[in-house]
PDB file of N, CA and C in Angstrom:
ATOM      1  N   MET A   1     -92.884  69.050  59.873  1.00  0.00           N
ATOM      2  CA  MET A   1     -92.604  70.435  60.167  1.00  0.00           C
ATOM      3  C   MET A   1     -92.276  71.241  58.903  1.00  0.00           C
ATOM      4  N   PRO A   2     -91.505  70.706  57.967  1.00  0.00           N
ATOM      5  CA  PRO A   2     -91.227  71.499  56.761  1.00  0.00           C
ATOM      6  C   PRO A   2     -92.484  71.860  55.984  1.00  0.00           C
ATOM      7  N   TRP A   3     -93.518  71.041  56.084  1.00  0.00           N
ATOM      8  CA  TRP A   3     -94.736  71.325  55.331  1.00  0.00           C
ATOM      9  C   TRP A   3     -95.451  72.551  55.881  1.00  0.00           C
ATOM     10  N   LEU A   4     -95.231  72.860  57.151  1.00  0.00           N
ATOM     11  CA  LEU A   4     -95.804  74.088  57.695  1.00  0.00           C
ATOM     12  C   LEU A   4     -95.171  75.315  57.044  1.00  0.00           C
ATOM     13  N   PHE A   5     -93.876  75.232  56.788  1.00  0.00           N
ATOM     14  CA  PHE A   5     -93.200  76.337  56.107  1.00  0.00           C
ATOM     15  C   PHE A   5     -93.796  76.557  54.716  1.00  0.00           C
ATOM     16  N   LEU A   6     -94.083  75.472  54.022  1.00  0.00           N
ATOM     17  CA  LEU A   6     -94.704  75.593  52.695  1.00  0.00           C
ATOM     18  C   LEU A   6     -96.091  76.209  52.800  1.00  0.00           C
ATOM     19  N   LEU A   7     -96.866  75.790  53.775  1.00  0.00           N
ATOM     20  CA  LEU A   7     -98.198  76.349  53.976  1.00  0.00           C
ATOM     21  C   LEU A   7     -98.121  77.849  54.267  1.00  0.00           C
ATOM     22  N   PHE A   8     -97.214  78.236  55.154  1.00  0.00           N
ATOM     23  CA  PHE A   8     -97.061  79.652  55.479  1.00  0.00           C
ATOM     24  C   PHE A   8     -96.547  80.446  54.275  1.00  0.00           C
ATOM     25  N   ALA A   9     -95.699  79.843  53.460  1.00  0.00           N
ATOM     26  CA  ALA A   9     -95.213  80.522  52.255  1.00  0.00           C
ATOM     27  C   ALA A   9     -96.355  80.761  51.279  1.00  0.00           C
ATOM     28  N   ILE A  10     -97.227  79.770  51.120  1.00  0.00           N
ATOM     29  CA  ILE A  10     -98.381  79.936  50.233  1.00  0.00           C
ATOM     30  C   ILE A  10     -99.297  81.044  50.762  1.00  0.00           C
ATOM     31  N   LEU A  11     -99.489  81.056  52.073  1.00  0.00           N
ATOM     32  CA  LEU A  11    -100.322  82.111  52.661  1.00  0.00           C
ATOM     33  C   LEU A  11     -99.680  83.486  52.475  1.00  0.00           C
ATOM     34  N   ALA A  12     -98.362  83.563  52.595  1.00  0.00           N
ATOM     35  CA  ALA A  12     -97.682  84.845  52.394  1.00  0.00           C
ATOM     36  C   ALA A  12     -97.794  85.289  50.935  1.00  0.00           C
ATOM     37  N   PHE A  13     -97.692  84.366  49.986  1.00  0.00           N
ATOM     38  CA  PHE A  13     -97.898  84.707  48.577  1.00  0.00           C
ATOM     39  C   PHE A  13     -99.322  85.205  48.340  1.00  0.00           C
ATOM     40  N   ALA A  14    -100.292  84.527  48.949  1.00  0.00           N
ATOM     41  CA  ALA A  14    -101.685  84.944  48.789  1.00  0.00           C
ATOM     42  C   ALA A  14    -101.893  86.348  49.356  1.00  0.00           C
ATOM     43  N   LEU A  15    -101.290  86.627  50.494  1.00  0.00           N
ATOM     44  CA  LEU A  15    -101.389  87.961  51.078  1.00  0.00           C
ATOM     45  C   LEU A  15    -100.735  89.009  50.179  1.00  0.00           C
ATOM     46  N   ALA A  16     -99.583  88.644  49.607  1.00  0.00           N
ATOM     47  CA  ALA A  16     -98.875  89.593  48.739  1.00  0.00           C
ATOM     48  C   ALA A  16     -99.687  89.913  47.484  1.00  0.00           C
ATOM     49  N   PHE A  17    -100.399  88.937  46.958  1.00  0.00           N
ATOM     50  CA  PHE A  17    -101.154  89.169  45.724  1.00  0.00           C
ATOM     51  C   PHE A  17    -102.503  89.856  45.966  1.00  0.00           C
ATOM     52  N   THR A  18    -103.023  89.756  47.182  1.00  0.00           N
ATOM     53  CA  THR A  18    -104.338  90.329  47.448  1.00  0.00           C
ATOM     54  C   THR A  18    -104.284  91.695  48.111  1.00  0.00           C
ATOM     55  N   THR A  19    -103.142  92.091  48.630  1.00  0.00           N
ATOM     56  CA  THR A  19    -103.069  93.369  49.329  1.00  0.00           C
ATOM     57  C   THR A  19    -102.920  94.532  48.345  1.00  0.00           C
ATOM     58  N   SER A  20    -103.343  95.688  48.804  1.00  0.00           N
ATOM     59  CA  SER A  20    -103.190  96.887  47.963  1.00  0.00           C
ATOM     60  C   SER A  20    -102.008  97.735  48.429  1.00  0.00           C
ATOM     61  N   SER A  21    -101.392  97.355  49.535  1.00  0.00           N
ATOM     62  CA  SER A  21    -100.247  98.081  50.066  1.00  0.00           C
ATOM     63  C   SER A  21     -98.956  97.526  49.465  1.00  0.00           C
ATOM     64  N   VAL A  22     -98.132  98.402  48.914  1.00  0.00           N
ATOM     65  CA  VAL A  22     -96.872  97.974  48.309  1.00  0.00           C
ATOM     66  C   VAL A  22     -95.911  97.471  49.378  1.00  0.00           C
ATOM     67  N   ALA A  23     -95.879  98.146  50.502  1.00  0.00           N
ATOM     68  CA  ALA A  23     -94.974  97.740  51.583  1.00  0.00           C
ATOM     69  C   ALA A  23     -95.339  96.357  52.114  1.00  0.00           C
ATOM     70  N   LEU A  24     -96.628  96.135  52.345  1.00  0.00           N
ATOM     71  CA  LEU A  24     -97.068  94.829  52.834  1.00  0.00           C
ATOM     72  C   LEU A  24     -96.820  93.740  51.791  1.00  0.00           C
ATOM     73  N   ALA A  25     -96.991  94.056  50.526  1.00  0.00           N
ATOM     74  CA  ALA A  25     -96.718  93.081  49.466  1.00  0.00           C
ATOM     75  C   ALA A  25     -95.231  92.731  49.428  1.00  0.00           C
ATOM     76  N   ALA A  26     -94.367  93.727  49.573  1.00  0.00           N
ATOM     77  CA  ALA A  26     -92.930  93.459  49.564  1.00  0.00           C
ATOM     78  C   ALA A  26     -92.521  92.614  50.763  1.00  0.00           C
ATOM     79  N   ILE A  27     -93.057  92.934  51.928  1.00  0.00           N
ATOM     80  CA  ILE A  27     -92.737  92.154  53.130  1.00  0.00           C
ATOM     81  C   ILE A  27     -93.261  90.731  52.984  1.00  0.00           C
ATOM     82  N   SER A  28     -94.462  90.581  52.448  1.00  0.00           N
ATOM     83  CA  SER A  28     -95.033  89.242  52.257  1.00  0.00           C
ATOM     84  C   SER A  28     -94.228  88.419  51.265  1.00  0.00           C
ATOM     85  N   LEU A  29     -93.764  89.050  50.187  1.00  0.00           N
ATOM     86  CA  LEU A  29     -92.946  88.319  49.211  1.00  0.00           C
ATOM     87  C   LEU A  29     -91.609  87.899  49.805  1.00  0.00           C
ATOM     88  N   LEU A  30     -91.003  88.766  50.595  1.00  0.00           N
ATOM     89  CA  LEU A  30     -89.743  88.396  51.256  1.00  0.00           C
ATOM     90  C   LEU A  30     -89.966  87.266  52.253  1.00  0.00           C
ATOM     91  N   ALA A  31     -91.057  87.351  52.996  1.00  0.00           N
ATOM     92  CA  ALA A  31     -91.374  86.286  53.951  1.00  0.00           C
ATOM     93  C   ALA A  31     -91.633  84.969  53.215  1.00  0.00           C
ATOM     94  N   ALA A  32     -92.351  85.040  52.095  1.00  0.00           N
ATOM     95  CA  ALA A  32     -92.631  83.823  51.321  1.00  0.00           C
ATOM     96  C   ALA A  32     -91.348  83.213  50.782  1.00  0.00           C
ATOM     97  N   LEU A  33     -90.452  84.050  50.314  1.00  0.00           N
ATOM     98  CA  LEU A  33     -89.172  83.543  49.815  1.00  0.00           C
ATOM     99  C   LEU A  33     -88.367  82.880  50.929  1.00  0.00           C
ATOM    100  N   ALA A  34     -88.329  83.512  52.088  1.00  0.00           N
ATOM    101  CA  ALA A  34     -87.613  82.928  53.231  1.00  0.00           C
ATOM    102  C   ALA A  34     -88.264  81.613  53.665  1.00  0.00           C
ATOM    103  N   LEU A  35     -89.581  81.595  53.717  1.00  0.00           N
ATOM    104  CA  LEU A  35     -90.278  80.369  54.117  1.00  0.00           C
ATOM    105  C   LEU A  35     -90.073  79.243  53.115  1.00  0.00           C
ATOM    106  N   LEU A  36     -90.015  79.564  51.838  1.00  0.00           N
ATOM    107  CA  LEU A  36     -89.713  78.532  50.833  1.00  0.00           C
ATOM    108  C   LEU A  36     -88.300  77.983  51.026  1.00  0.00           C
ATOM    109  N   GLY A  37     -87.377  78.869  51.365  1.00  0.00           N
ATOM    110  CA  GLY A  37     -86.009  78.414  51.650  1.00  0.00           C
ATOM    111  C   GLY A  37     -85.963  77.501  52.857  1.00  0.00           C
ATOM    112  N   PHE A  38     -86.693  77.861  53.920  1.00  0.00           N
ATOM    113  CA  PHE A  38     -86.755  77.007  55.115  1.00  0.00           C
ATOM    114  C   PHE A  38     -87.395  75.661  54.791  1.00  0.00           C
ATOM    115  N   TRP A  39     -88.398  75.675  53.915  1.00  0.00           N
ATOM    116  CA  TRP A  39     -89.062  74.436  53.524  1.00  0.00           C
ATOM    117  C   TRP A  39     -88.094  73.498  52.809  1.00  0.00           C
ATOM    118  N   VAL A  40     -87.341  74.040  51.854  1.00  0.00           N
ATOM    119  CA  VAL A  40     -86.380  73.218  51.109  1.00  0.00           C
ATOM    120  C   VAL A  40     -85.291  72.690  52.042  1.00  0.00           C
ATOM    121  N   MET A  41     -84.795  73.545  52.930  1.00  0.00           N
ATOM    122  CA  MET A  41     -83.755  73.090  53.865  1.00  0.00           C
ATOM    123  C   MET A  41     -84.289  72.015  54.812  1.00  0.00           C
ATOM    124  N   GLY A  42     -85.539  72.144  55.222  1.00  0.00           N
ATOM    125  CA  GLY A  42     -86.144  71.116  56.075  1.00  0.00           C
ATOM    126  C   GLY A  42     -86.280  69.794  55.356  1.00  0.00           C
ATOM    127  N   LEU A  43     -86.687  69.836  54.085  1.00  0.00           N
ATOM    128  CA  LEU A  43     -86.782  68.594  53.313  1.00  0.00           C
ATOM    129  C   LEU A  43     -85.415  67.937  53.141  1.00  0.00           C
ATOM    130  N   LEU A  44     -84.405  68.759  52.876  1.00  0.00           N
ATOM    131  CA  LEU A  44     -83.055  68.208  52.732  1.00  0.00           C
ATOM    132  C   LEU A  44     -82.557  67.615  54.041  1.00  0.00           C
ATOM    133  N   ALA A  45     -82.847  68.272  55.151  1.00  0.00           N
ATOM    134  CA  ALA A  45     -82.424  67.748  56.453  1.00  0.00           C
ATOM    135  C   ALA A  45     -83.098  66.414  56.751  1.00  0.00           C
ATOM    136  N   GLN A  46     -84.375  66.301  56.412  1.00  0.00           N
ATOM    137  CA  GLN A  46     -85.060  65.024  56.599  1.00  0.00           C
ATOM    138  C   GLN A  46     -84.460  63.935  55.724  1.00  0.00           C
ATOM    139  N   ARG A  47     -84.163  64.282  54.488  1.00  0.00           N
ATOM    140  CA  ARG A  47     -83.608  63.287  53.563  1.00  0.00           C
ATOM    141  C   ARG A  47     -82.237  62.808  54.030  1.00  0.00           C
ATOM    142  N   ILE A  48     -81.416  63.735  54.474  1.00  0.00           N
ATOM    143  CA  ILE A  48     -80.095  63.360  54.974  1.00  0.00           C
ATOM    144  C   ILE A  48     -80.223  62.531  56.235  1.00  0.00           C
ATOM    145  N   GLY A  49     -81.156  62.912  57.105  1.00  0.00           N
ATOM    146  CA  GLY A  49     -81.364  62.165  58.342  1.00  0.00           C
ATOM    147  C   GLY A  49     -81.844  60.750  58.086  1.00  0.00           C
ATOM    148  N   ASN A  50     -82.645  60.562  57.062  1.00  0.00           N
ATOM    149  CA  ASN A  50     -83.142  59.224  56.743  1.00  0.00           C
ATOM    150  C   ASN A  50     -82.062  58.337  56.137  1.00  0.00           C
ATOM    151  N   GLN A  51     -81.063  58.929  55.513  1.00  0.00           N
ATOM    152  CA  GLN A  51     -80.024  58.138  54.867  1.00  0.00           C
ATOM    153  C   GLN A  51     -78.778  57.983  55.724  1.00  0.00           C
ATOM    154  N   ALA A  52     -78.797  58.508  56.933  1.00  0.00           N
ATOM    155  CA  ALA A  52     -77.623  58.414  57.805  1.00  0.00           C
ATOM    156  C   ALA A  52     -77.421  56.957  58.228  1.00  0.00           C
ATOM    157  N   ARG A  53     -76.166  56.602  58.394  1.00  0.00           N
ATOM    158  CA  ARG A  53     -75.842  55.243  58.817  1.00  0.00           C
ATOM    159  C   ARG A  53     -76.144  55.061  60.296  1.00  0.00           C
ATOM    160  N   ASP A  54     -76.451  53.833  60.651  1.00  0.00           N
ATOM    161  CA  ASP A  54     -76.686  53.492  62.042  1.00  0.00           C
ATOM    162  C   ASP A  54     -75.332  53.378  62.750  1.00  0.00           C
ATOM    163  N   ASP A  55     -75.186  54.048  63.878  1.00  0.00           N
ATOM    164  CA  ASP A  55     -73.913  54.027  64.594  1.00  0.00           C
ATOM    165  C   ASP A  55     -73.592  52.652  65.178  1.00  0.00           C
ATOM    166  N   THR A  56     -74.588  51.822  65.389  1.00  0.00           N
ATOM    167  CA  THR A  56     -74.331  50.503  65.946  1.00  0.00           C
ATOM    168  C   THR A  56     -73.659  49.578  64.938  1.00  0.00           C
ATOM    169  N   LEU A  57     -73.701  49.931  63.638  1.00  0.00           N
ATOM    170  CA  LEU A  57     -73.065  49.101  62.622  1.00  0.00           C
ATOM    171  C   LEU A  57     -71.579  49.406  62.447  1.00  0.00           C
ATOM    172  N   MET A  58     -71.098  50.435  63.131  1.00  0.00           N
ATOM    173  CA  MET A  58     -69.688  50.800  63.005  1.00  0.00           C
ATOM    174  C   MET A  58     -68.821  49.791  63.760  1.00  0.00           C
ATOM    175  N   LEU A  59     -67.633  49.561  63.245  1.00  0.00           N
ATOM    176  CA  LEU A  59     -66.718  48.619  63.873  1.00  0.00           C
ATOM    177  C   LEU A  59     -65.987  49.290  65.022  1.00  0.00           C
ATOM    178  N   ASP A  60     -65.839  48.535  66.112  1.00  0.00           N
ATOM    179  CA  ASP A  60     -65.036  49.067  67.206  1.00  0.00           C
ATOM    180  C   ASP A  60     -63.563  48.792  66.917  1.00  0.00           C
ATOM    181  N   PRO A  61     -62.633  49.433  67.610  1.00  0.00           N
ATOM    182  CA  PRO A  61     -61.207  49.276  67.293  1.00  0.00           C
ATOM    183  C   PRO A  61     -60.702  47.838  67.411  1.00  0.00           C
ATOM    184  N   GLN A  62     -61.227  47.075  68.365  1.00  0.00           N
ATOM    185  CA  GLN A  62     -60.771  45.691  68.520  1.00  0.00           C
ATOM    186  C   GLN A  62     -61.194  44.838  67.327  1.00  0.00           C
ATOM    187  N   GLU A  63     -62.410  45.028  66.866  1.00  0.00           N
ATOM    188  CA  GLU A  63     -62.893  44.272  65.709  1.00  0.00           C
ATOM    189  C   GLU A  63     -62.118  44.652  64.455  1.00  0.00           C
ATOM    190  N   LEU A  64     -61.824  45.928  64.300  1.00  0.00           N
ATOM    191  CA  LEU A  64     -61.051  46.385  63.154  1.00  0.00           C
ATOM    192  C   LEU A  64     -59.638  45.800  63.180  1.00  0.00           C
ATOM    193  N   ARG A  65     -59.021  45.755  64.357  1.00  0.00           N
ATOM    194  CA  ARG A  65     -57.681  45.170  64.494  1.00  0.00           C
ATOM    195  C   ARG A  65     -57.713  43.679  64.153  1.00  0.00           C
ATOM    196  N   ARG A  66     -58.757  42.967  64.608  1.00  0.00           N
ATOM    197  CA  ARG A  66     -58.873  41.538  64.332  1.00  0.00           C
ATOM    198  C   ARG A  66     -59.035  41.287  62.828  1.00  0.00           C
ATOM    199  N   LEU A  67     -59.819  42.118  62.165  1.00  0.00           N
ATOM    200  CA  LEU A  67     -59.994  41.962  60.716  1.00  0.00           C
ATOM    201  C   LEU A  67     -58.694  42.244  59.962  1.00  0.00           C
ATOM    202  N   ARG A  68     -57.937  43.236  60.420  1.00  0.00           N
ATOM    203  CA  ARG A  68     -56.644  43.523  59.786  1.00  0.00           C
ATOM    204  C   ARG A  68     -55.675  42.363  59.959  1.00  0.00           C
ATOM    205  N   GLU A  69     -55.658  41.785  61.155  1.00  0.00           N
ATOM    206  CA  GLU A  69     -54.772  40.639  61.393  1.00  0.00           C
ATOM    207  C   GLU A  69     -55.151  39.457  60.505  1.00  0.00           C
ATOM    208  N   GLN A  70     -56.437  39.235  60.329  1.00  0.00           N
ATOM    209  CA  GLN A  70     -56.881  38.149  59.450  1.00  0.00           C
ATOM    210  C   GLN A  70     -56.476  38.417  58.007  1.00  0.00           C
ATOM    211  N   ALA A  71     -56.599  39.644  57.558  1.00  0.00           N
ATOM    212  CA  ALA A  71     -56.218  39.989  56.188  1.00  0.00           C
ATOM    213  C   ALA A  71     -54.712  39.829  55.993  1.00  0.00           C
ATOM    214  N   GLN A  72     -53.931  40.247  56.974  1.00  0.00           N
ATOM    215  CA  GLN A  72     -52.481  40.096  56.870  1.00  0.00           C
ATOM    216  C   GLN A  72     -52.092  38.629  56.871  1.00  0.00           C
ATOM    217  N   ALA A  73     -52.777  37.805  57.665  1.00  0.00           N
ATOM    218  CA  ALA A  73     -52.490  36.370  57.688  1.00  0.00           C
ATOM    219  C   ALA A  73     -52.832  35.742  56.341  1.00  0.00           C
ATOM    220  N   ARG A  74     -53.933  36.160  55.716  1.00  0.00           N
ATOM    221  CA  ARG A  74     -54.282  35.631  54.399  1.00  0.00           C
ATOM    222  C   ARG A  74     -53.259  36.056  53.351  1.00  0.00           C
ATOM    223  N   GLN A  75     -52.784  37.296  53.428  1.00  0.00           N
ATOM    224  CA  GLN A  75     -51.776  37.767  52.480  1.00  0.00           C
ATOM    225  C   GLN A  75     -50.464  37.009  52.652  1.00  0.00           C
ATOM    226  N   ALA A  76     -50.080  36.751  53.896  1.00  0.00           N
ATOM    227  CA  ALA A  76     -48.853  36.001  54.151  1.00  0.00           C
ATOM    228  C   ALA A  76     -48.987  34.574  53.657  1.00  0.00           C
ATOM    229  N   ALA A  77     -50.161  33.973  53.851  1.00  0.00           N
ATOM    230  CA  ALA A  77     -50.373  32.598  53.396  1.00  0.00           C
ATOM    231  C   ALA A  77     -50.385  32.548  51.859  1.00  0.00           C
ATOM    232  N   ALA A  78     -50.944  33.551  51.220  1.00  0.00           N
ATOM    233  CA  ALA A  78     -50.964  33.578  49.763  1.00  0.00           C
ATOM    234  C   ALA A  78     -49.562  33.787  49.205  1.00  0.00           C
ATOM    235  N   ALA A  79     -48.743  34.567  49.900  1.00  0.00           N
ATOM    236  CA  ALA A  79     -47.380  34.787  49.445  1.00  0.00           C
ATOM    237  C   ALA A  79     -46.530  33.528  49.562  1.00  0.00           C
ATOM    238  N   GLN A  80     -46.829  32.685  50.537  1.00  0.00           N
ATOM    239  CA  GLN A  80     -46.081  31.442  50.734  1.00  0.00           C
ATOM    240  C   GLN A  80     -46.630  30.320  49.878  1.00  0.00           C
ATOM    241  N   GLY A  81     -47.787  30.514  49.267  1.00  0.00           N
ATOM    242  CA  GLY A  81     -48.360  29.490  48.410  1.00  0.00           C
ATOM    243  C   GLY A  81     -49.233  28.507  49.153  1.00  0.00           C
ATOM    244  N   ASP A  82     -49.491  28.755  50.427  1.00  0.00           N
ATOM    245  CA  ASP A  82     -50.363  27.875  51.204  1.00  0.00           C
ATOM    246  C   ASP A  82     -51.826  28.159  50.828  1.00  0.00           C
ATOM    247  N   PRO A  83     -52.673  27.136  50.868  1.00  0.00           N
ATOM    248  CA  PRO A  83     -54.101  27.397  50.630  1.00  0.00           C
ATOM    249  C   PRO A  83     -54.672  28.205  51.796  1.00  0.00           C
ATOM    250  N   PRO A  84     -55.581  29.134  51.505  1.00  0.00           N
ATOM    251  CA  PRO A  84     -56.138  29.944  52.572  1.00  0.00           C
ATOM    252  C   PRO A  84     -56.977  29.113  53.531  1.00  0.00           C
ATOM    253  N   GLY A  85     -56.911  29.459  54.779  1.00  0.00           N
ATOM    254  CA  GLY A  85     -57.679  28.761  55.810  1.00  0.00           C
ATOM    255  C   GLY A  85     -59.048  29.367  55.981  1.00  0.00           C
ATOM    256  N   PRO A  86     -59.888  28.758  56.833  1.00  0.00           N
ATOM    257  CA  PRO A  86     -61.268  29.255  57.009  1.00  0.00           C
ATOM    258  C   PRO A  86     -61.324  30.553  57.755  1.00  0.00           C
TER     259      PRO A  86
END
């Protein structure tokens, strides 16, 4: 979809350069500038969307609590000088 914005921006630039009307050229240049902005924002949105984390990889509260308990048990065992368990 962002590539359509680029295509329309190129067409608006072509219209602005080929027309003899100043008003139409100004409107075409403004439209081309806006379309280029939409194109860049679309590319950025795609890039961010592709790099987003998968929600299924997030830890649920029970798993997070279990990991904290394991870490605290390892810290307590290290403080007492016991070898860490599996």
